[in-house]
mmCIF file of all heavy atoms, coordinates in Angstrom:
data_MODEL
# 
_entry.id   MODEL 
# 
loop_
_atom_site.group_PDB 
_atom_site.id 
_atom_site.type_symbol 
_atom_site.label_atom_id 
_atom_site.label_alt_id 
_atom_site.label_comp_id 
_atom_site.label_asym_id 
_atom_site.label_entity_id 
_atom_site.label_seq_id 
_atom_site.pdbx_PDB_ins_code 
_atom_site.Cartn_x 
_atom_site.Cartn_y 
_atom_site.Cartn_z 
_atom_site.occupancy 
_atom_site.B_iso_or_equiv 
_atom_site.pdbx_formal_charge 
_atom_site.auth_seq_id 
_atom_site.auth_comp_id 
_atom_site.auth_asym_id 
_atom_site.auth_atom_id 
_atom_site.pdbx_PDB_model_num 
ATOM 1   N N   . HIS A 1 1  ? -49.218 -118.523 -112.846 1.00 0.00 ? 1  HIS A N   1 
ATOM 2   C CA  . HIS A 1 1  ? -48.911 -119.568 -113.818 1.00 0.00 ? 1  HIS A CA  1 
ATOM 3   C C   . HIS A 1 1  ? -48.405 -118.994 -115.136 1.00 0.00 ? 1  HIS A C   1 
ATOM 4   O O   . HIS A 1 1  ? -47.568 -119.608 -115.793 1.00 0.00 ? 1  HIS A O   1 
ATOM 5   C CB  . HIS A 1 1  ? -50.117 -120.488 -113.993 1.00 0.00 ? 1  HIS A CB  1 
ATOM 6   C CG  . HIS A 1 1  ? -50.333 -121.348 -112.794 1.00 0.00 ? 1  HIS A CG  1 
ATOM 7   N ND1 . HIS A 1 1  ? -51.109 -120.953 -111.734 1.00 0.00 ? 1  HIS A ND1 1 
ATOM 8   C CD2 . HIS A 1 1  ? -49.813 -122.547 -112.466 1.00 0.00 ? 1  HIS A CD2 1 
ATOM 9   C CE1 . HIS A 1 1  ? -51.072 -121.880 -110.811 1.00 0.00 ? 1  HIS A CE1 1 
ATOM 10  N NE2 . HIS A 1 1  ? -50.297 -122.867 -111.230 1.00 0.00 ? 1  HIS A NE2 1 
ATOM 11  N N   . LEU A 1 2  ? -48.890 -117.829 -115.516 1.00 0.00 ? 2  LEU A N   1 
ATOM 12  C CA  . LEU A 1 2  ? -48.372 -117.168 -116.708 1.00 0.00 ? 2  LEU A CA  1 
ATOM 13  C C   . LEU A 1 2  ? -46.888 -116.848 -116.523 1.00 0.00 ? 2  LEU A C   1 
ATOM 14  O O   . LEU A 1 2  ? -46.066 -117.113 -117.408 1.00 0.00 ? 2  LEU A O   1 
ATOM 15  C CB  . LEU A 1 2  ? -49.158 -115.890 -117.007 1.00 0.00 ? 2  LEU A CB  1 
ATOM 16  C CG  . LEU A 1 2  ? -48.633 -115.037 -118.169 1.00 0.00 ? 2  LEU A CG  1 
ATOM 17  C CD1 . LEU A 1 2  ? -48.613 -115.818 -119.471 1.00 0.00 ? 2  LEU A CD1 1 
ATOM 18  C CD2 . LEU A 1 2  ? -49.473 -113.761 -118.297 1.00 0.00 ? 2  LEU A CD2 1 
ATOM 19  N N   . GLU A 1 3  ? -46.540 -116.307 -115.371 1.00 0.00 ? 3  GLU A N   1 
ATOM 20  C CA  . GLU A 1 3  ? -45.138 -115.978 -115.082 1.00 0.00 ? 3  GLU A CA  1 
ATOM 21  C C   . GLU A 1 3  ? -44.276 -117.243 -115.108 1.00 0.00 ? 3  GLU A C   1 
ATOM 22  O O   . GLU A 1 3  ? -43.173 -117.250 -115.663 1.00 0.00 ? 3  GLU A O   1 
ATOM 23  C CB  . GLU A 1 3  ? -45.049 -115.291 -113.716 1.00 0.00 ? 3  GLU A CB  1 
ATOM 24  C CG  . GLU A 1 3  ? -43.668 -114.785 -113.380 1.00 0.00 ? 3  GLU A CG  1 
ATOM 25  C CD  . GLU A 1 3  ? -43.669 -114.026 -112.053 1.00 0.00 ? 3  GLU A CD  1 
ATOM 26  O OE1 . GLU A 1 3  ? -44.504 -113.120 -111.876 1.00 0.00 ? 3  GLU A OE1 1 
ATOM 27  O OE2 . GLU A 1 3  ? -42.817 -114.365 -111.215 1.00 0.00 ? 3  GLU A OE2 1 
ATOM 28  N N   . GLN A 1 4  ? -44.805 -118.318 -114.548 1.00 0.00 ? 4  GLN A N   1 
ATOM 29  C CA  . GLN A 1 4  ? -44.076 -119.592 -114.534 1.00 0.00 ? 4  GLN A CA  1 
ATOM 30  C C   . GLN A 1 4  ? -43.854 -120.098 -115.966 1.00 0.00 ? 4  GLN A C   1 
ATOM 31  O O   . GLN A 1 4  ? -42.755 -120.534 -116.316 1.00 0.00 ? 4  GLN A O   1 
ATOM 32  C CB  . GLN A 1 4  ? -44.855 -120.616 -113.713 1.00 0.00 ? 4  GLN A CB  1 
ATOM 33  C CG  . GLN A 1 4  ? -44.160 -121.941 -113.559 1.00 0.00 ? 4  GLN A CG  1 
ATOM 34  C CD  . GLN A 1 4  ? -44.984 -122.936 -112.736 1.00 0.00 ? 4  GLN A CD  1 
ATOM 35  O OE1 . GLN A 1 4  ? -46.015 -122.593 -112.157 1.00 0.00 ? 4  GLN A OE1 1 
ATOM 36  N NE2 . GLN A 1 4  ? -44.539 -124.172 -112.714 1.00 0.00 ? 4  GLN A NE2 1 
ATOM 37  N N   . LEU A 1 5  ? -44.884 -120.028 -116.812 1.00 0.00 ? 5  LEU A N   1 
ATOM 38  C CA  . LEU A 1 5  ? -44.764 -120.486 -118.196 1.00 0.00 ? 5  LEU A CA  1 
ATOM 39  C C   . LEU A 1 5  ? -43.785 -119.619 -118.978 1.00 0.00 ? 5  LEU A C   1 
ATOM 40  O O   . LEU A 1 5  ? -42.933 -120.128 -119.712 1.00 0.00 ? 5  LEU A O   1 
ATOM 41  C CB  . LEU A 1 5  ? -46.134 -120.500 -118.877 1.00 0.00 ? 5  LEU A CB  1 
ATOM 42  C CG  . LEU A 1 5  ? -46.138 -120.917 -120.354 1.00 0.00 ? 5  LEU A CG  1 
ATOM 43  C CD1 . LEU A 1 5  ? -45.531 -122.305 -120.563 1.00 0.00 ? 5  LEU A CD1 1 
ATOM 44  C CD2 . LEU A 1 5  ? -47.562 -120.864 -120.913 1.00 0.00 ? 5  LEU A CD2 1 
ATOM 45  N N   . GLN A 1 6  ? -43.880 -118.312 -118.824 1.00 0.00 ? 6  GLN A N   1 
ATOM 46  C CA  . GLN A 1 6  ? -42.971 -117.416 -119.541 1.00 0.00 ? 6  GLN A CA  1 
ATOM 47  C C   . GLN A 1 6  ? -41.516 -117.655 -119.144 1.00 0.00 ? 6  GLN A C   1 
ATOM 48  O O   . GLN A 1 6  ? -40.622 -117.679 -119.997 1.00 0.00 ? 6  GLN A O   1 
ATOM 49  C CB  . GLN A 1 6  ? -43.371 -115.957 -119.308 1.00 0.00 ? 6  GLN A CB  1 
ATOM 50  C CG  . GLN A 1 6  ? -44.664 -115.590 -120.009 1.00 0.00 ? 6  GLN A CG  1 
ATOM 51  C CD  . GLN A 1 6  ? -45.205 -114.235 -119.611 1.00 0.00 ? 6  GLN A CD  1 
ATOM 52  O OE1 . GLN A 1 6  ? -45.050 -113.791 -118.475 1.00 0.00 ? 6  GLN A OE1 1 
ATOM 53  N NE2 . GLN A 1 6  ? -45.873 -113.575 -120.555 1.00 0.00 ? 6  GLN A NE2 1 
ATOM 54  N N   . ALA A 1 7  ? -41.266 -117.863 -117.856 1.00 0.00 ? 7  ALA A N   1 
ATOM 55  C CA  . ALA A 1 7  ? -39.899 -118.135 -117.382 1.00 0.00 ? 7  ALA A CA  1 
ATOM 56  C C   . ALA A 1 7  ? -39.403 -119.476 -117.935 1.00 0.00 ? 7  ALA A C   1 
ATOM 57  O O   . ALA A 1 7  ? -38.250 -119.597 -118.356 1.00 0.00 ? 7  ALA A O   1 
ATOM 58  C CB  . ALA A 1 7  ? -39.855 -118.131 -115.854 1.00 0.00 ? 7  ALA A CB  1 
ATOM 59  N N   . ALA A 1 8  ? -40.262 -120.481 -117.952 1.00 0.00 ? 8  ALA A N   1 
ATOM 60  C CA  . ALA A 1 8  ? -39.876 -121.798 -118.468 1.00 0.00 ? 8  ALA A CA  1 
ATOM 61  C C   . ALA A 1 8  ? -39.603 -121.733 -119.973 1.00 0.00 ? 8  ALA A C   1 
ATOM 62  O O   . ALA A 1 8  ? -38.650 -122.361 -120.456 1.00 0.00 ? 8  ALA A O   1 
ATOM 63  C CB  . ALA A 1 8  ? -40.973 -122.818 -118.167 1.00 0.00 ? 8  ALA A CB  1 
ATOM 64  N N   . MET A 1 9  ? -40.405 -120.978 -120.703 1.00 0.00 ? 9  MET A N   1 
ATOM 65  C CA  . MET A 1 9  ? -40.163 -120.826 -122.140 1.00 0.00 ? 9  MET A CA  1 
ATOM 66  C C   . MET A 1 9  ? -38.821 -120.148 -122.383 1.00 0.00 ? 9  MET A C   1 
ATOM 67  O O   . MET A 1 9  ? -38.049 -120.566 -123.256 1.00 0.00 ? 9  MET A O   1 
ATOM 68  C CB  . MET A 1 9  ? -41.286 -120.018 -122.793 1.00 0.00 ? 9  MET A CB  1 
ATOM 69  C CG  . MET A 1 9  ? -42.596 -120.767 -122.927 1.00 0.00 ? 9  MET A CG  1 
ATOM 70  S SD  . MET A 1 9  ? -43.926 -119.716 -123.579 1.00 0.00 ? 9  MET A SD  1 
ATOM 71  C CE  . MET A 1 9  ? -43.309 -119.369 -125.240 1.00 0.00 ? 9  MET A CE  1 
ATOM 72  N N   . GLN A 1 10 ? -38.535 -119.123 -121.609 1.00 0.00 ? 10 GLN A N   1 
ATOM 73  C CA  . GLN A 1 10 ? -37.259 -118.411 -121.755 1.00 0.00 ? 10 GLN A CA  1 
ATOM 74  C C   . GLN A 1 10 ? -36.099 -119.356 -121.442 1.00 0.00 ? 10 GLN A C   1 
ATOM 75  O O   . GLN A 1 10 ? -35.105 -119.391 -122.166 1.00 0.00 ? 10 GLN A O   1 
ATOM 76  C CB  . GLN A 1 10 ? -37.229 -117.194 -120.847 1.00 0.00 ? 10 GLN A CB  1 
ATOM 77  C CG  . GLN A 1 10 ? -35.976 -116.359 -121.021 1.00 0.00 ? 10 GLN A CG  1 
ATOM 78  C CD  . GLN A 1 10 ? -36.026 -115.081 -120.199 1.00 0.00 ? 10 GLN A CD  1 
ATOM 79  O OE1 . GLN A 1 10 ? -36.897 -114.874 -119.373 1.00 0.00 ? 10 GLN A OE1 1 
ATOM 80  N NE2 . GLN A 1 10 ? -35.059 -114.224 -120.445 1.00 0.00 ? 10 GLN A NE2 1 
ATOM 81  N N   . ARG A 1 11 ? -36.243 -120.130 -120.384 1.00 0.00 ? 11 ARG A N   1 
ATOM 82  C CA  . ARG A 1 11 ? -35.209 -121.098 -119.992 1.00 0.00 ? 11 ARG A CA  1 
ATOM 83  C C   . ARG A 1 11 ? -34.920 -122.084 -121.126 1.00 0.00 ? 11 ARG A C   1 
ATOM 84  O O   . ARG A 1 11 ? -33.783 -122.474 -121.358 1.00 0.00 ? 11 ARG A O   1 
ATOM 85  C CB  . ARG A 1 11 ? -35.679 -121.837 -118.736 1.00 0.00 ? 11 ARG A CB  1 
ATOM 86  C CG  . ARG A 1 11 ? -34.719 -122.902 -118.217 1.00 0.00 ? 11 ARG A CG  1 
ATOM 87  C CD  . ARG A 1 11 ? -35.293 -123.678 -117.046 1.00 0.00 ? 11 ARG A CD  1 
ATOM 88  N NE  . ARG A 1 11 ? -36.337 -124.577 -117.527 1.00 0.00 ? 11 ARG A NE  1 
ATOM 89  C CZ  . ARG A 1 11 ? -37.546 -124.701 -116.985 1.00 0.00 ? 11 ARG A CZ  1 
ATOM 90  N NH1 . ARG A 1 11 ? -37.901 -124.001 -115.934 1.00 0.00 ? 11 ARG A NH1 1 
ATOM 91  N NH2 . ARG A 1 11 ? -38.426 -125.540 -117.491 1.00 0.00 ? 11 ARG A NH2 1 
ATOM 92  N N   . GLU A 1 12 ? -35.969 -122.474 -121.865 1.00 0.00 ? 12 GLU A N   1 
ATOM 93  C CA  . GLU A 1 12 ? -35.834 -123.458 -122.939 1.00 0.00 ? 12 GLU A CA  1 
ATOM 94  C C   . GLU A 1 12 ? -35.562 -122.817 -124.304 1.00 0.00 ? 12 GLU A C   1 
ATOM 95  O O   . GLU A 1 12 ? -35.489 -123.503 -125.320 1.00 0.00 ? 12 GLU A O   1 
ATOM 96  C CB  . GLU A 1 12 ? -37.088 -124.341 -123.014 1.00 0.00 ? 12 GLU A CB  1 
ATOM 97  C CG  . GLU A 1 12 ? -37.366 -125.133 -121.752 1.00 0.00 ? 12 GLU A CG  1 
ATOM 98  C CD  . GLU A 1 12 ? -36.246 -126.095 -121.368 1.00 0.00 ? 12 GLU A CD  1 
ATOM 99  O OE1 . GLU A 1 12 ? -35.489 -126.549 -122.247 1.00 0.00 ? 12 GLU A OE1 1 
ATOM 100 O OE2 . GLU A 1 12 ? -36.127 -126.400 -120.160 1.00 0.00 ? 12 GLU A OE2 1 
ATOM 101 N N   . GLY A 1 13 ? -35.454 -121.485 -124.343 1.00 0.00 ? 13 GLY A N   1 
ATOM 102 C CA  . GLY A 1 13 ? -35.131 -120.794 -125.586 1.00 0.00 ? 13 GLY A CA  1 
ATOM 103 C C   . GLY A 1 13 ? -36.286 -120.679 -126.565 1.00 0.00 ? 13 GLY A C   1 
ATOM 104 O O   . GLY A 1 13 ? -36.074 -120.565 -127.772 1.00 0.00 ? 13 GLY A O   1 
ATOM 105 N N   . LEU A 1 14 ? -37.515 -120.690 -126.057 1.00 0.00 ? 14 LEU A N   1 
ATOM 106 C CA  . LEU A 1 14 ? -38.699 -120.579 -126.921 1.00 0.00 ? 14 LEU A CA  1 
ATOM 107 C C   . LEU A 1 14 ? -39.205 -119.147 -126.934 1.00 0.00 ? 14 LEU A C   1 
ATOM 108 O O   . LEU A 1 14 ? -39.314 -118.514 -125.883 1.00 0.00 ? 14 LEU A O   1 
ATOM 109 C CB  . LEU A 1 14 ? -39.810 -121.506 -126.426 1.00 0.00 ? 14 LEU A CB  1 
ATOM 110 C CG  . LEU A 1 14 ? -39.467 -123.002 -126.425 1.00 0.00 ? 14 LEU A CG  1 
ATOM 111 C CD1 . LEU A 1 14 ? -40.580 -123.793 -125.764 1.00 0.00 ? 14 LEU A CD1 1 
ATOM 112 C CD2 . LEU A 1 14 ? -39.216 -123.496 -127.842 1.00 0.00 ? 14 LEU A CD2 1 
ATOM 113 N N   . SER A 1 15 ? -39.548 -118.650 -128.103 1.00 0.00 ? 15 SER A N   1 
ATOM 114 C CA  . SER A 1 15 ? -40.061 -117.281 -128.245 1.00 0.00 ? 15 SER A CA  1 
ATOM 115 C C   . SER A 1 15 ? -41.565 -117.286 -128.431 1.00 0.00 ? 15 SER A C   1 
ATOM 116 O O   . SER A 1 15 ? -42.103 -118.083 -129.199 1.00 0.00 ? 15 SER A O   1 
ATOM 117 C CB  . SER A 1 15 ? -39.409 -116.605 -129.458 1.00 0.00 ? 15 SER A CB  1 
ATOM 118 O OG  . SER A 1 15 ? -38.029 -116.509 -129.268 1.00 0.00 ? 15 SER A OG  1 
ATOM 119 N N   . ALA A 1 16 ? -42.231 -116.373 -127.729 1.00 0.00 ? 16 ALA A N   1 
ATOM 120 C CA  . ALA A 1 16 ? -43.690 -116.252 -127.802 1.00 0.00 ? 16 ALA A CA  1 
ATOM 121 C C   . ALA A 1 16 ? -44.111 -115.490 -129.046 1.00 0.00 ? 16 ALA A C   1 
ATOM 122 O O   . ALA A 1 16 ? -43.396 -114.635 -129.553 1.00 0.00 ? 16 ALA A O   1 
ATOM 123 C CB  . ALA A 1 16 ? -44.205 -115.539 -126.558 1.00 0.00 ? 16 ALA A CB  1 
ATOM 124 N N   . LYS A 1 17 ? -45.311 -115.820 -129.494 1.00 0.00 ? 17 LYS A N   1 
ATOM 125 C CA  . LYS A 1 17 ? -45.927 -115.150 -130.642 1.00 0.00 ? 17 LYS A CA  1 
ATOM 126 C C   . LYS A 1 17 ? -47.361 -114.829 -130.232 1.00 0.00 ? 17 LYS A C   1 
ATOM 127 O O   . LYS A 1 17 ? -48.165 -115.731 -130.044 1.00 0.00 ? 17 LYS A O   1 
ATOM 128 C CB  . LYS A 1 17 ? -45.900 -116.091 -131.850 1.00 0.00 ? 17 LYS A CB  1 
ATOM 129 C CG  . LYS A 1 17 ? -46.570 -115.567 -133.074 1.00 0.00 ? 17 LYS A CG  1 
ATOM 130 C CD  . LYS A 1 17 ? -46.482 -116.627 -134.175 1.00 0.00 ? 17 LYS A CD  1 
ATOM 131 C CE  . LYS A 1 17 ? -47.242 -116.187 -135.394 1.00 0.00 ? 17 LYS A CE  1 
ATOM 132 N NZ  . LYS A 1 17 ? -47.203 -117.226 -136.437 1.00 0.00 ? 17 LYS A NZ  1 
ATOM 133 N N   . GLY A 1 18 ? -47.681 -113.574 -130.058 1.00 0.00 ? 18 GLY A N   1 
ATOM 134 C CA  . GLY A 1 18 ? -49.042 -113.204 -129.689 1.00 0.00 ? 18 GLY A CA  1 
ATOM 135 C C   . GLY A 1 18 ? -49.295 -113.209 -128.195 1.00 0.00 ? 18 GLY A C   1 
ATOM 136 O O   . GLY A 1 18 ? -48.392 -113.390 -127.383 1.00 0.00 ? 18 GLY A O   1 
ATOM 137 N N   . GLU A 1 19 ? -50.547 -113.005 -127.859 1.00 0.00 ? 19 GLU A N   1 
ATOM 138 C CA  . GLU A 1 19 ? -50.990 -112.892 -126.466 1.00 0.00 ? 19 GLU A CA  1 
ATOM 139 C C   . GLU A 1 19 ? -51.254 -114.271 -125.848 1.00 0.00 ? 19 GLU A C   1 
ATOM 140 O O   . GLU A 1 19 ? -51.640 -115.207 -126.550 1.00 0.00 ? 19 GLU A O   1 
ATOM 141 C CB  . GLU A 1 19 ? -52.285 -112.071 -126.403 1.00 0.00 ? 19 GLU A CB  1 
ATOM 142 C CG  . GLU A 1 19 ? -52.139 -110.640 -126.862 1.00 0.00 ? 19 GLU A CG  1 
ATOM 143 C CD  . GLU A 1 19 ? -51.451 -109.747 -125.852 1.00 0.00 ? 19 GLU A CD  1 
ATOM 144 O OE1 . GLU A 1 19 ? -51.298 -110.154 -124.686 1.00 0.00 ? 19 GLU A OE1 1 
ATOM 145 O OE2 . GLU A 1 19 ? -51.061 -108.635 -126.238 1.00 0.00 ? 19 GLU A OE2 1 
ATOM 146 N N   . PRO A 1 20 ? -51.083 -114.407 -124.522 1.00 0.00 ? 20 PRO A N   1 
ATOM 147 C CA  . PRO A 1 20 ? -51.419 -115.661 -123.846 1.00 0.00 ? 20 PRO A CA  1 
ATOM 148 C C   . PRO A 1 20 ? -52.921 -115.935 -123.931 1.00 0.00 ? 20 PRO A C   1 
ATOM 149 O O   . PRO A 1 20 ? -53.745 -115.020 -123.907 1.00 0.00 ? 20 PRO A O   1 
ATOM 150 C CB  . PRO A 1 20 ? -51.016 -115.426 -122.394 1.00 0.00 ? 20 PRO A CB  1 
ATOM 151 C CG  . PRO A 1 20 ? -50.242 -114.167 -122.368 1.00 0.00 ? 20 PRO A CG  1 
ATOM 152 C CD  . PRO A 1 20 ? -50.559 -113.403 -123.605 1.00 0.00 ? 20 PRO A CD  1 
ATOM 153 N N   . VAL A 1 21 ? -53.258 -117.214 -124.018 1.00 0.00 ? 21 VAL A N   1 
ATOM 154 C CA  . VAL A 1 21 ? -54.656 -117.660 -124.079 1.00 0.00 ? 21 VAL A CA  1 
ATOM 155 C C   . VAL A 1 21 ? -54.963 -118.408 -122.786 1.00 0.00 ? 21 VAL A C   1 
ATOM 156 O O   . VAL A 1 21 ? -54.241 -119.333 -122.407 1.00 0.00 ? 21 VAL A O   1 
ATOM 157 C CB  . VAL A 1 21 ? -54.872 -118.597 -125.295 1.00 0.00 ? 21 VAL A CB  1 
ATOM 158 C CG1 . VAL A 1 21 ? -56.289 -119.148 -125.312 1.00 0.00 ? 21 VAL A CG1 1 
ATOM 159 C CG2 . VAL A 1 21 ? -54.546 -117.867 -126.590 1.00 0.00 ? 21 VAL A CG2 1 
ATOM 160 N N   . TRP A 1 22 ? -56.049 -118.019 -122.125 1.00 0.00 ? 22 TRP A N   1 
ATOM 161 C CA  . TRP A 1 22 ? -56.480 -118.678 -120.899 1.00 0.00 ? 22 TRP A CA  1 
ATOM 162 C C   . TRP A 1 22 ? -57.536 -119.701 -121.287 1.00 0.00 ? 22 TRP A C   1 
ATOM 163 O O   . TRP A 1 22 ? -58.572 -119.344 -121.855 1.00 0.00 ? 22 TRP A O   1 
ATOM 164 C CB  . TRP A 1 22 ? -57.053 -117.648 -119.952 1.00 0.00 ? 22 TRP A CB  1 
ATOM 165 C CG  . TRP A 1 22 ? -57.238 -118.092 -118.528 1.00 0.00 ? 22 TRP A CG  1 
ATOM 166 C CD1 . TRP A 1 22 ? -56.898 -119.292 -117.970 1.00 0.00 ? 22 TRP A CD1 1 
ATOM 167 C CD2 . TRP A 1 22 ? -57.792 -117.314 -117.475 1.00 0.00 ? 22 TRP A CD2 1 
ATOM 168 N NE1 . TRP A 1 22 ? -57.205 -119.311 -116.638 1.00 0.00 ? 22 TRP A NE1 1 
ATOM 169 C CE2 . TRP A 1 22 ? -57.762 -118.100 -116.309 1.00 0.00 ? 22 TRP A CE2 1 
ATOM 170 C CE3 . TRP A 1 22 ? -58.310 -116.033 -117.391 1.00 0.00 ? 22 TRP A CE3 1 
ATOM 171 C CZ2 . TRP A 1 22 ? -58.233 -117.649 -115.083 1.00 0.00 ? 22 TRP A CZ2 1 
ATOM 172 C CZ3 . TRP A 1 22 ? -58.779 -115.582 -116.174 1.00 0.00 ? 22 TRP A CZ3 1 
ATOM 173 C CH2 . TRP A 1 22 ? -58.740 -116.379 -115.036 1.00 0.00 ? 22 TRP A CH2 1 
ATOM 174 N N   . ALA A 1 23 ? -57.287 -120.972 -120.999 1.00 0.00 ? 23 ALA A N   1 
ATOM 175 C CA  . ALA A 1 23 ? -58.198 -122.058 -121.360 1.00 0.00 ? 23 ALA A CA  1 
ATOM 176 C C   . ALA A 1 23 ? -58.779 -122.662 -120.088 1.00 0.00 ? 23 ALA A C   1 
ATOM 177 O O   . ALA A 1 23 ? -58.041 -123.128 -119.223 1.00 0.00 ? 23 ALA A O   1 
ATOM 178 C CB  . ALA A 1 23 ? -57.449 -123.113 -122.165 1.00 0.00 ? 23 ALA A CB  1 
ATOM 179 N N   . ARG A 1 24 ? -60.105 -122.649 -120.010 1.00 0.00 ? 24 ARG A N   1 
ATOM 180 C CA  . ARG A 1 24 ? -60.788 -123.203 -118.838 1.00 0.00 ? 24 ARG A CA  1 
ATOM 181 C C   . ARG A 1 24 ? -61.691 -124.339 -119.289 1.00 0.00 ? 24 ARG A C   1 
ATOM 182 O O   . ARG A 1 24 ? -62.507 -124.165 -120.186 1.00 0.00 ? 24 ARG A O   1 
ATOM 183 C CB  . ARG A 1 24 ? -61.569 -122.105 -118.122 1.00 0.00 ? 24 ARG A CB  1 
ATOM 184 C CG  . ARG A 1 24 ? -60.592 -121.094 -117.520 1.00 0.00 ? 24 ARG A CG  1 
ATOM 185 C CD  . ARG A 1 24 ? -61.273 -119.917 -116.956 1.00 0.00 ? 24 ARG A CD  1 
ATOM 186 N NE  . ARG A 1 24 ? -61.540 -118.974 -118.042 1.00 0.00 ? 24 ARG A NE  1 
ATOM 187 C CZ  . ARG A 1 24 ? -62.053 -117.780 -117.872 1.00 0.00 ? 24 ARG A CZ  1 
ATOM 188 N NH1 . ARG A 1 24 ? -62.380 -117.363 -116.671 1.00 0.00 ? 24 ARG A NH1 1 
ATOM 189 N NH2 . ARG A 1 24 ? -62.243 -116.977 -118.897 1.00 0.00 ? 24 ARG A NH2 1 
ATOM 190 N N   . TYR A 1 25 ? -61.522 -125.501 -118.664 1.00 0.00 ? 25 TYR A N   1 
ATOM 191 C CA  . TYR A 1 25 ? -62.174 -126.726 -119.111 1.00 0.00 ? 25 TYR A CA  1 
ATOM 192 C C   . TYR A 1 25 ? -63.460 -127.085 -118.373 1.00 0.00 ? 25 TYR A C   1 
ATOM 193 O O   . TYR A 1 25 ? -64.193 -127.948 -118.834 1.00 0.00 ? 25 TYR A O   1 
ATOM 194 C CB  . TYR A 1 25 ? -61.200 -127.903 -118.980 1.00 0.00 ? 25 TYR A CB  1 
ATOM 195 C CG  . TYR A 1 25 ? -60.122 -127.887 -120.034 1.00 0.00 ? 25 TYR A CG  1 
ATOM 196 C CD1 . TYR A 1 25 ? -58.995 -127.085 -119.896 1.00 0.00 ? 25 TYR A CD1 1 
ATOM 197 C CD2 . TYR A 1 25 ? -60.237 -128.671 -121.171 1.00 0.00 ? 25 TYR A CD2 1 
ATOM 198 C CE1 . TYR A 1 25 ? -58.013 -127.066 -120.865 1.00 0.00 ? 25 TYR A CE1 1 
ATOM 199 C CE2 . TYR A 1 25 ? -59.259 -128.656 -122.147 1.00 0.00 ? 25 TYR A CE2 1 
ATOM 200 C CZ  . TYR A 1 25 ? -58.153 -127.849 -121.988 1.00 0.00 ? 25 TYR A CZ  1 
ATOM 201 O OH  . TYR A 1 25 ? -57.187 -127.822 -122.960 1.00 0.00 ? 25 TYR A OH  1 
ATOM 202 N N   . ASP A 1 26 ? -63.720 -126.485 -117.243 1.00 0.00 ? 26 ASP A N   1 
ATOM 203 C CA  . ASP A 1 26 ? -64.807 -126.959 -116.384 1.00 0.00 ? 26 ASP A CA  1 
ATOM 204 C C   . ASP A 1 26 ? -65.873 -125.900 -116.150 1.00 0.00 ? 26 ASP A C   1 
ATOM 205 O O   . ASP A 1 26 ? -65.591 -124.702 -116.202 1.00 0.00 ? 26 ASP A O   1 
ATOM 206 C CB  . ASP A 1 26 ? -64.237 -127.407 -115.040 1.00 0.00 ? 26 ASP A CB  1 
ATOM 207 C CG  . ASP A 1 26 ? -63.208 -128.504 -115.209 1.00 0.00 ? 26 ASP A CG  1 
ATOM 208 O OD1 . ASP A 1 26 ? -63.558 -129.558 -115.764 1.00 0.00 ? 26 ASP A OD1 1 
ATOM 209 O OD2 . ASP A 1 26 ? -62.046 -128.291 -114.805 1.00 0.00 ? 26 ASP A OD2 1 
ATOM 210 N N   . PRO A 1 27 ? -67.093 -126.353 -115.830 1.00 0.00 ? 27 PRO A N   1 
ATOM 211 C CA  . PRO A 1 27 ? -68.158 -125.399 -115.507 1.00 0.00 ? 27 PRO A CA  1 
ATOM 212 C C   . PRO A 1 27 ? -67.919 -124.757 -114.148 1.00 0.00 ? 27 PRO A C   1 
ATOM 213 O O   . PRO A 1 27 ? -67.195 -125.311 -113.307 1.00 0.00 ? 27 PRO A O   1 
ATOM 214 C CB  . PRO A 1 27 ? -69.422 -126.274 -115.490 1.00 0.00 ? 27 PRO A CB  1 
ATOM 215 C CG  . PRO A 1 27 ? -68.934 -127.654 -115.208 1.00 0.00 ? 27 PRO A CG  1 
ATOM 216 C CD  . PRO A 1 27 ? -67.549 -127.746 -115.793 1.00 0.00 ? 27 PRO A CD  1 
ATOM 217 N N   . PRO A 1 28 ? -68.532 -123.590 -113.910 1.00 0.00 ? 28 PRO A N   1 
ATOM 218 C CA  . PRO A 1 28 ? -68.295 -122.874 -112.649 1.00 0.00 ? 28 PRO A CA  1 
ATOM 219 C C   . PRO A 1 28 ? -68.765 -123.617 -111.404 1.00 0.00 ? 28 PRO A C   1 
ATOM 220 O O   . PRO A 1 28 ? -68.278 -123.350 -110.317 1.00 0.00 ? 28 PRO A O   1 
ATOM 221 C CB  . PRO A 1 28 ? -69.061 -121.563 -112.821 1.00 0.00 ? 28 PRO A CB  1 
ATOM 222 C CG  . PRO A 1 28 ? -69.877 -121.702 -114.035 1.00 0.00 ? 28 PRO A CG  1 
ATOM 223 C CD  . PRO A 1 28 ? -69.397 -122.876 -114.812 1.00 0.00 ? 28 PRO A CD  1 
# 
C-alpha cells in the first residue's frame, strides 16, 4: 500500500515531506 500511495502521489504531482506514517485504527 505504501508503494501504491507513492506511485499515486507521483502520478498526481504531489511531493512527500518526511517519513510515511502507519495508522492502525483497530485492536488486535
